[in-house]
């Protein structure tokens, strides 16, 4: 597969210095930029999929008329958190 180039960009010297300051051992600025782009793409795809699932769920709830109240959801989350805290105290 042939490779392609990402357009070069101009940045403030402080941004370049900050990027260089966090490079890992043996890591080049090009590697850092490539990895940053990959992670941004993954994050945006995940966000897009999350929103699509949420919209589909909303539409399904509208069609069925079945909703779960926010109080019920928060109550379940609080119970899960309490259980997790309790189990971490007994195992830690």
C-alpha atoms as a PDB file:
ATOM      1  CA  UNK A   1       0.000   0.000   0.000  1.00  0.00           C
ATOM      2  CA  UNK A   2       1.263   3.418  -0.909  1.00  0.00           C
ATOM      3  CA  UNK A   3       1.594   5.953   1.853  1.00  0.00           C
ATOM      4  CA  UNK A   4       0.132   9.457   1.807  1.00  0.00           C
ATOM      5  CA  UNK A   5       1.167  12.689   3.473  1.00  0.00           C
ATOM      6  CA  UNK A   6      -0.718  14.744   6.006  1.00  0.00           C
ATOM      7  CA  UNK A   7      -0.503  18.460   5.227  1.00  0.00           C
ATOM      8  CA  UNK A   8       2.125  20.261   7.263  1.00  0.00           C
ATOM      9  CA  UNK A   9       0.836  22.848   9.679  1.00  0.00           C
ATOM     10  CA  UNK A  10       2.254  25.894  11.292  1.00  0.00           C
ATOM     11  CA  UNK A  11       2.014  26.113  15.062  1.00  0.00           C
ATOM     12  CA  UNK A  12       3.216  28.471  17.740  1.00  0.00           C
ATOM     13  CA  UNK A  13       6.721  27.662  18.957  1.00  0.00           C
ATOM     14  CA  UNK A  14       5.320  27.006  22.433  1.00  0.00           C
ATOM     15  CA  UNK A  15       3.041  24.269  21.096  1.00  0.00           C
ATOM     16  CA  UNK A  16       5.902  22.574  19.287  1.00  0.00           C
ATOM     17  CA  UNK A  17       8.058  22.778  22.423  1.00  0.00           C
ATOM     18  CA  UNK A  18       5.247  21.304  24.517  1.00  0.00           C
ATOM     19  CA  UNK A  19       4.844  18.424  22.055  1.00  0.00           C
ATOM     20  CA  UNK A  20       8.581  17.751  21.998  1.00  0.00           C
ATOM     21  CA  UNK A  21       8.676  17.837  25.801  1.00  0.00           C
ATOM     22  CA  UNK A  22       6.300  14.889  26.076  1.00  0.00           C
ATOM     23  CA  UNK A  23       7.851  12.635  23.453  1.00  0.00           C
ATOM     24  CA  UNK A  24       8.683   9.139  24.604  1.00  0.00           C
ATOM     25  CA  UNK A  25      12.170   7.693  24.317  1.00  0.00           C
ATOM     26  CA  UNK A  26      12.964   7.145  20.647  1.00  0.00           C
ATOM     27  CA  UNK A  27       9.687   8.760  19.578  1.00  0.00           C
ATOM     28  CA  UNK A  28       9.786  11.359  16.833  1.00  0.00           C
ATOM     29  CA  UNK A  29       7.498  14.328  16.468  1.00  0.00           C
ATOM     30  CA  UNK A  30       6.108  12.665  13.334  1.00  0.00           C
ATOM     31  CA  UNK A  31       5.273   9.509  15.338  1.00  0.00           C
ATOM     32  CA  UNK A  32       3.597  11.641  17.976  1.00  0.00           C
ATOM     33  CA  UNK A  33       1.499  13.517  15.410  1.00  0.00           C
ATOM     34  CA  UNK A  34       0.494  10.295  13.648  1.00  0.00           C
ATOM     35  CA  UNK A  35      -0.555   8.665  16.919  1.00  0.00           C
ATOM     36  CA  UNK A  36      -2.482  11.786  17.909  1.00  0.00           C
ATOM     37  CA  UNK A  37      -4.369  11.721  14.624  1.00  0.00           C
ATOM     38  CA  UNK A  38      -5.164   8.011  15.025  1.00  0.00           C
ATOM     39  CA  UNK A  39      -6.472   8.552  18.570  1.00  0.00           C
ATOM     40  CA  UNK A  40      -8.560  11.542  17.484  1.00  0.00           C
ATOM     41  CA  UNK A  41     -10.106   9.516  14.670  1.00  0.00           C
ATOM     42  CA  UNK A  42     -10.932   6.653  17.066  1.00  0.00           C
ATOM     43  CA  UNK A  43     -12.446   9.066  19.595  1.00  0.00           C
ATOM     44  CA  UNK A  44     -14.567  10.811  16.960  1.00  0.00           C
ATOM     45  CA  UNK A  45     -15.792   7.513  15.538  1.00  0.00           C
ATOM     46  CA  UNK A  46     -16.711   6.336  19.037  1.00  0.00           C
ATOM     47  CA  UNK A  47     -18.553   9.613  19.680  1.00  0.00           C
ATOM     48  CA  UNK A  48     -20.416   9.283  16.381  1.00  0.00           C
ATOM     49  CA  UNK A  49     -21.427   5.692  17.186  1.00  0.00           C
ATOM     50  CA  UNK A  50     -22.485   6.681  20.722  1.00  0.00           C
ATOM     51  CA  UNK A  51     -24.712   9.438  19.370  1.00  0.00           C
ATOM     52  CA  UNK A  52     -26.190   7.120  16.739  1.00  0.00           C
ATOM     53  CA  UNK A  53     -27.018   4.523  19.430  1.00  0.00           C
ATOM     54  CA  UNK A  54     -28.572   7.215  21.600  1.00  0.00           C
ATOM     55  CA  UNK A  55     -30.712   8.542  18.760  1.00  0.00           C
ATOM     56  CA  UNK A  56     -31.799   5.014  17.822  1.00  0.00           C
ATOM     57  CA  UNK A  57     -32.709   4.334  21.460  1.00  0.00           C
ATOM     58  CA  UNK A  58     -34.674   7.573  21.603  1.00  0.00           C
ATOM     59  CA  UNK A  59     -36.573   6.661  18.443  1.00  0.00           C
ATOM     60  CA  UNK A  60     -37.303   3.163  19.767  1.00  0.00           C
ATOM     61  CA  UNK A  61     -38.613   4.624  23.032  1.00  0.00           C
ATOM     62  CA  UNK A  62     -40.830   7.057  21.109  1.00  0.00           C
ATOM     63  CA  UNK A  63     -42.247   4.201  19.024  1.00  0.00           C
ATOM     64  CA  UNK A  64     -42.844   1.873  21.946  1.00  0.00           C
ATOM     65  CA  UNK A  65     -43.830   4.527  24.465  1.00  0.00           C
ATOM     66  CA  UNK A  66     -41.592   2.784  27.015  1.00  0.00           C
ATOM     67  CA  UNK A  67     -39.306   5.143  28.896  1.00  0.00           C
ATOM     68  CA  UNK A  68     -37.182   4.853  32.016  1.00  0.00           C
ATOM     69  CA  UNK A  69     -37.269   7.847  34.331  1.00  0.00           C
ATOM     70  CA  UNK A  70     -34.065   9.672  35.137  1.00  0.00           C
ATOM     71  CA  UNK A  71     -34.731   9.019  38.847  1.00  0.00           C
ATOM     72  CA  UNK A  72     -34.771   5.265  38.176  1.00  0.00           C
ATOM     73  CA  UNK A  73     -31.521   5.449  36.201  1.00  0.00           C
ATOM     74  CA  UNK A  74     -29.770   7.573  38.824  1.00  0.00           C
ATOM     75  CA  UNK A  75     -31.040   5.243  41.544  1.00  0.00           C
ATOM     76  CA  UNK A  76     -29.584   2.210  39.780  1.00  0.00           C
ATOM     77  CA  UNK A  77     -26.275   3.992  39.213  1.00  0.00           C
ATOM     78  CA  UNK A  78     -26.084   5.020  42.881  1.00  0.00           C
ATOM     79  CA  UNK A  79     -26.758   1.413  43.921  1.00  0.00           C
ATOM     80  CA  UNK A  80     -24.022   0.162  41.570  1.00  0.00           C
ATOM     81  CA  UNK A  81     -21.597   2.742  42.956  1.00  0.00           C
ATOM     82  CA  UNK A  82     -22.391   1.782  46.541  1.00  0.00           C
ATOM     83  CA  UNK A  83     -21.849  -1.897  45.720  1.00  0.00           C
ATOM     84  CA  UNK A  84     -18.547  -1.144  43.989  1.00  0.00           C
ATOM     85  CA  UNK A  85     -17.361   0.926  46.957  1.00  0.00           C
ATOM     86  CA  UNK A  86     -18.374  -1.833  49.376  1.00  0.00           C
ATOM     87  CA  UNK A  87     -16.604  -4.528  47.394  1.00  0.00           C
ATOM     88  CA  UNK A  88     -13.435  -2.431  47.067  1.00  0.00           C
ATOM     89  CA  UNK A  89     -13.336  -1.984  50.854  1.00  0.00           C
ATOM     90  CA  UNK A  90     -13.609  -5.718  51.433  1.00  0.00           C
ATOM     91  CA  UNK A  91     -11.064  -6.670  48.774  1.00  0.00           C
ATOM     92  CA  UNK A  92      -8.564  -3.897  49.409  1.00  0.00           C
END
